């Protein structure tokens, strides 16, 4: 499973201030921390404080700052296509675009960028009407993304479908719908698209966030989850992922499986 570090995001105060002041040190700190914790990708987001006109420059700066310090690819997180393109232009290796919805105009803007820069892309199972309330409607939008990927010639392994996790304190009934969506996504195509979630969404504004996060992550792994944007400061979460990979027969068992997993970083 791919672990995508969530911490270089303008929603966090220290990163927001670093972006506004063009101070690379907090970005370097979190790039190194997440790399050592075992991240496979780093999610980079300028956040809402950055004016639209400045977002392409800031995204390129984030990519360059991160990749000068750690040998990791990036997940470029923005609703601004110009910022995505600037990040892709600056990026070394295979990036992930985060993200497009199933809205056709967004697909037609972002799928060509993924192809041009040989990037993967996250497709959200939502459209201009919002987030569906059941697995069947989520899967209908997932299928639209799969069909478009096929028509554009985007390799299915480069399409990450996000079933859109909602906070369990306001949408508790949606948790089972998301898990069912994951299970059925795996049979939409051969080879199957991959599945990704933004894990922290499940516990937004909840108590015991880490417990909710890691419990849902393990449930997701059992349902076919391939990647997640996560808090890599949560060591208990990383240990739970390691144990789940053993129990799901994704790694060969050894008595020191925890230490082996930690050495990934």
Protein backbone atom coordinates (compact mmCIF):
# COMPACT_ATOMS: atom_id res chain seq x y z
CA UNK A 1 0.00 0.00 0.00
CA UNK A 2 1.20 3.49 -0.84
CA UNK A 3 1.46 5.86 2.10
CA UNK A 4 1.08 9.49 1.02
CA UNK A 5 2.20 12.00 3.65
CA UNK A 6 -0.39 14.71 4.28
CA UNK A 7 1.66 17.24 6.23
CA UNK A 8 2.94 19.67 3.55
CA UNK A 9 -0.36 21.45 3.17
CA UNK A 10 -1.19 25.13 3.46
CA UNK A 11 -4.05 24.23 5.79
CA UNK A 12 -1.41 23.73 8.51
CA UNK A 13 -0.28 26.97 10.13
CA UNK A 14 3.47 26.37 9.85
CA UNK A 15 3.26 25.43 6.17
CA UNK A 16 0.93 28.35 5.42
CA UNK A 17 3.42 30.76 6.99
CA UNK A 18 6.31 29.07 5.19
CA UNK A 19 4.54 29.55 1.87
CA UNK A 20 3.62 33.16 2.53
CA UNK A 21 7.18 33.97 3.68
CA UNK A 22 8.91 31.73 1.11
CA UNK A 23 10.71 30.01 3.99
CA UNK A 24 11.76 26.51 2.91
CA UNK A 25 12.72 25.19 6.36
CA UNK A 26 9.29 23.90 7.53
CA UNK A 27 8.79 22.27 4.13
CA UNK A 28 12.20 20.60 4.37
CA UNK A 29 11.50 19.47 7.92
CA UNK A 30 8.24 17.73 7.04
CA UNK A 31 9.63 16.29 3.83
CA UNK A 32 12.46 14.65 5.78
CA UNK A 33 10.23 13.56 8.66
CA UNK A 34 7.71 11.87 6.39
CA UNK A 35 10.42 10.29 4.25
CA UNK A 36 12.05 8.74 7.32
CA UNK A 37 8.63 7.58 8.58
CA UNK A 38 8.13 5.54 5.41
CA UNK A 39 6.19 7.77 3.01
CA UNK A 40 5.97 6.63 -0.60
CA UNK A 41 4.65 9.99 -1.83
CA UNK A 42 4.27 13.45 -0.33
CA UNK A 43 1.04 15.36 -0.84
CA UNK A 44 1.73 19.02 -1.62
CA UNK A 45 -0.99 21.64 -1.36
CA UNK A 46 -0.61 25.45 -1.40
CA UNK A 47 -3.84 25.74 0.60
CA UNK A 48 -6.57 28.37 0.46
CA UNK A 49 -4.43 31.29 1.68
CA UNK A 50 -2.55 31.51 -1.62
CA UNK A 51 -4.11 33.72 -4.28
CA UNK A 52 -5.07 31.96 -7.51
CA UNK A 53 -2.50 33.88 -9.56
CA UNK A 54 0.32 32.79 -7.23
CA UNK A 55 -0.63 29.12 -6.98
CA UNK A 56 1.38 27.87 -9.99
CA UNK A 57 4.55 29.52 -8.70
CA UNK A 58 3.98 28.19 -5.18
CA UNK A 59 3.30 24.65 -6.35
CA UNK A 60 6.49 24.61 -8.40
CA UNK A 61 8.40 25.98 -5.37
CA UNK A 62 6.99 23.26 -3.13
CA UNK A 63 7.95 20.52 -5.60
CA UNK A 64 11.47 21.84 -6.05
CA UNK A 65 11.99 22.36 -2.31
CA UNK A 66 10.82 18.84 -1.46
CA UNK A 67 12.70 17.03 -4.21
CA UNK A 68 15.96 18.80 -3.42
CA UNK A 69 15.76 17.26 0.05
CA UNK A 70 14.20 13.81 -0.30
CA UNK A 71 14.08 11.24 -3.13
CA UNK A 72 10.29 10.98 -3.17
CA UNK A 73 7.66 11.69 -5.82
CA UNK A 74 4.81 14.07 -5.04
CA UNK A 75 1.04 14.09 -5.09
CA UNK A 76 0.06 17.52 -6.44
CA UNK A 77 -3.02 18.70 -4.57
CA UNK A 78 -4.90 21.65 -6.05
CA UNK A 79 -8.19 22.58 -7.69
CA UNK A 80 -6.27 24.95 -9.99
CA UNK A 81 -5.19 23.23 -13.25
CA UNK A 82 -2.50 25.86 -13.80
CA UNK A 83 -0.96 24.99 -10.43
CA UNK A 84 -1.08 21.29 -11.30
CA UNK A 85 0.67 21.91 -14.61
CA UNK A 86 3.35 24.04 -12.97
CA UNK A 87 3.98 21.32 -10.41
CA UNK A 88 4.18 18.65 -13.11
CA UNK A 89 6.66 20.75 -15.09
CA UNK A 90 8.93 21.03 -12.05
CA UNK A 91 8.52 17.42 -10.92
CA UNK A 92 11.05 14.61 -11.28
CA UNK A 93 9.67 11.09 -11.53
CA UNK A 94 6.06 9.92 -11.59
CA UNK A 95 3.70 12.39 -9.93
CA UNK A 96 0.09 11.88 -8.88
CA UNK A 97 -2.49 14.56 -9.72
CA UNK A 98 -4.88 15.20 -6.83
CA UNK A 99 -7.52 15.35 -8.26
CA UNK A 100 -10.37 15.42 -10.76
CA UNK A 101 -14.04 14.78 -10.05
CA UNK A 102 -16.24 12.84 -12.47
CA UNK A 103 -17.34 16.14 -14.02
CA UNK A 104 -16.57 15.84 -17.73
CA UNK A 105 -15.03 19.31 -18.06
CA UNK A 106 -12.54 18.56 -15.29
CA UNK A 107 -11.75 15.15 -16.77
CA UNK A 108 -11.10 16.76 -20.15
CA UNK A 109 -8.74 19.27 -18.53
CA UNK A 110 -6.76 16.97 -16.24
CA UNK A 111 -6.57 13.60 -18.03
CA UNK A 112 -4.55 15.16 -20.89
CA UNK A 113 -2.12 16.60 -18.31
CA UNK A 114 -1.72 13.16 -16.77
CA UNK A 115 -0.94 11.72 -20.18
CA UNK A 116 1.42 14.51 -21.20
CA UNK A 117 3.51 14.24 -18.04
CA UNK A 118 3.05 10.48 -17.57
CA UNK A 119 1.46 11.07 -14.18
CA UNK A 120 -1.12 9.09 -12.26
CA UNK A 121 -4.37 10.82 -11.31
CA UNK A 122 -6.92 10.58 -8.51
CA UNK A 123 -10.54 10.50 -9.63
CA UNK A 124 -13.17 11.41 -7.04
CA UNK A 125 -16.48 9.58 -7.18
CA UNK A 126 -18.42 12.82 -7.08
CA UNK A 127 -19.55 15.39 -9.62
CA UNK A 128 -21.15 18.84 -9.75
CA UNK A 129 -24.14 17.42 -7.84
CA UNK A 130 -21.95 16.51 -4.87
CA UNK A 131 -21.07 13.27 -3.12
CA UNK A 132 -23.44 10.33 -3.77
CA UNK A 133 -25.20 8.83 -0.78
CA UNK A 134 -24.79 5.15 -1.65
CA UNK A 135 -22.32 2.71 -3.15
CA UNK A 136 -24.30 2.22 -6.38
CA UNK A 137 -24.17 5.92 -7.28
CA UNK A 138 -20.51 6.17 -6.33
CA UNK A 139 -19.78 3.19 -8.58
CA UNK A 140 -21.66 4.77 -11.49
CA UNK A 141 -19.31 7.77 -11.28
CA UNK A 142 -16.32 5.49 -10.84
CA UNK A 143 -17.31 3.75 -14.05
CA UNK A 144 -17.46 7.10 -15.86
CA UNK A 145 -13.88 7.74 -14.79
CA UNK A 146 -12.82 4.25 -15.89
CA UNK A 147 -14.47 4.68 -19.30
CA UNK A 148 -12.78 8.05 -19.79
CA UNK A 149 -9.42 6.59 -18.82
CA UNK A 150 -9.88 3.89 -21.44
CA UNK A 151 -10.91 6.41 -24.09
CA UNK A 152 -7.97 8.69 -23.34
CA UNK A 153 -5.51 5.80 -23.22
CA UNK A 154 -4.64 6.37 -19.59
CA UNK A 155 -3.25 3.13 -18.11
CA UNK A 156 -5.69 1.71 -15.56
CA UNK A 157 -2.91 1.36 -12.98
CA UNK A 158 -2.48 5.15 -13.20
CA UNK A 159 -6.10 5.79 -12.21
CA UNK A 160 -6.69 6.03 -8.46
CA UNK A 161 -10.38 6.12 -7.61
CA UNK A 162 -11.35 7.90 -4.39
CA UNK A 163 -14.74 6.83 -3.00
CA UNK A 164 -14.86 10.09 -0.99
CA UNK A 165 -14.71 9.51 2.75
CA UNK A 166 -16.98 11.74 4.86
CA UNK A 167 -16.63 12.51 8.60
CA UNK A 168 -18.25 9.75 10.62
CA UNK A 169 -19.73 12.18 13.13
CA UNK A 170 -22.03 13.67 10.47
CA UNK A 171 -22.27 10.83 7.94
CA UNK A 172 -21.88 7.66 9.95
CA UNK A 173 -24.05 5.64 7.58
CA UNK A 174 -21.67 6.46 4.72
CA UNK A 175 -18.77 4.42 6.11
CA UNK A 176 -20.27 1.11 4.98
CA UNK A 177 -21.15 2.63 1.59
CA UNK A 178 -17.53 3.67 1.06
CA UNK A 179 -16.24 0.21 1.97
CA UNK A 180 -18.73 -1.45 -0.38
CA UNK A 181 -17.65 0.95 -3.13
CA UNK A 182 -14.04 -0.13 -2.61
CA UNK A 183 -14.91 -3.80 -2.93
CA UNK A 184 -16.78 -3.29 -6.19
CA UNK A 185 -14.27 -0.90 -7.76
CA UNK A 186 -11.89 -3.83 -8.02
CA UNK A 187 -14.15 -5.56 -10.54
CA UNK A 188 -14.85 -2.57 -12.79
CA UNK A 189 -11.99 -3.31 -15.18
CA UNK A 190 -9.09 -5.66 -15.86
CA UNK A 191 -6.57 -4.66 -14.68
CA UNK A 192 -8.54 -2.91 -11.97
CA UNK A 193 -8.10 0.76 -11.11
CA UNK A 194 -6.44 1.53 -7.82
CA UNK A 195 -8.20 2.90 -4.75
CA UNK A 196 -7.09 5.84 -2.61
CA UNK A 197 -8.62 7.76 0.29
CA UNK A 198 -7.87 10.87 2.29
CA UNK A 199 -7.85 9.07 5.61
CA UNK A 200 -8.11 12.01 8.01
CA UNK A 201 -11.52 12.94 6.55
CA UNK A 202 -13.12 10.04 8.42
CA UNK A 203 -12.35 11.63 11.80
CA UNK A 204 -12.70 15.34 11.06
CA UNK A 205 -13.98 17.19 14.16
CA UNK A 206 -14.16 13.91 16.12
CA UNK A 207 -12.58 12.83 19.39
CA UNK A 208 -10.05 9.97 19.35
CA UNK A 209 -9.07 10.81 15.80
CA UNK A 210 -6.07 8.50 15.60
CA UNK A 211 -8.11 5.52 16.73
CA UNK A 212 -10.82 6.19 14.14
CA UNK A 213 -8.23 6.75 11.41
CA UNK A 214 -6.26 3.57 11.91
CA UNK A 215 -9.36 1.42 12.42
CA UNK A 216 -10.88 2.63 9.17
CA UNK A 217 -7.58 2.25 7.34
CA UNK A 218 -7.40 -1.44 8.25
CA UNK A 219 -11.03 -1.92 7.21
CA UNK A 220 -10.15 -0.26 3.91
CA UNK A 221 -7.13 -2.50 3.36
CA UNK A 222 -9.36 -5.55 3.73
CA UNK A 223 -11.74 -4.04 1.14
CA UNK A 224 -9.00 -3.49 -1.46
CA UNK A 225 -7.49 -0.10 -0.59
CA UNK A 226 -4.21 0.60 -2.43
CA UNK A 227 -3.16 4.02 -1.14
CA UNK A 228 -4.04 6.60 1.49
CA UNK A 229 -3.12 10.17 2.35
CA UNK A 230 -2.22 9.80 6.01
CA UNK A 231 -0.71 11.34 9.12
CA UNK A 232 2.74 9.75 9.28
CA UNK A 233 3.34 11.05 12.80
CA UNK A 234 0.95 8.34 14.07
CA UNK A 235 3.28 5.42 14.83
CA UNK A 236 0.37 3.22 15.94
CA UNK A 237 -1.19 3.65 12.51
CA UNK A 238 2.02 2.57 10.79
CA UNK A 239 2.28 -0.49 13.02
CA UNK A 240 -1.35 -1.38 12.27
CA UNK A 241 -0.63 -1.15 8.52
CA UNK A 242 2.35 -3.45 8.96
CA UNK A 243 0.27 -6.04 10.85
CA UNK A 244 -2.58 -5.82 8.33
CA UNK A 245 -0.23 -6.48 5.43
CA UNK A 246 0.91 -9.66 7.15
CA UNK A 247 -2.64 -10.82 7.88
CA UNK A 248 -3.79 -10.06 4.33
CA UNK A 249 -0.86 -12.08 2.93
CA UNK A 250 0.66 -9.01 1.28
CA UNK A 251 4.00 -9.47 3.04
CA UNK A 252 5.90 -12.59 4.11
CA UNK A 253 5.65 -13.12 7.86
CA UNK A 254 8.71 -12.82 10.05
CA UNK A 255 8.93 -12.29 13.81
CA UNK A 256 10.51 -8.88 13.27
CA UNK A 257 7.86 -7.66 10.79
CA UNK A 258 7.45 -4.33 12.60
CA UNK A 259 11.11 -3.42 12.37
CA UNK A 260 11.27 -4.61 8.77
CA UNK A 261 8.34 -2.35 7.86
CA UNK A 262 9.90 0.64 9.63
CA UNK A 263 13.12 0.23 7.64
CA UNK A 264 11.22 1.08 4.46
CA UNK A 265 11.98 4.73 5.16
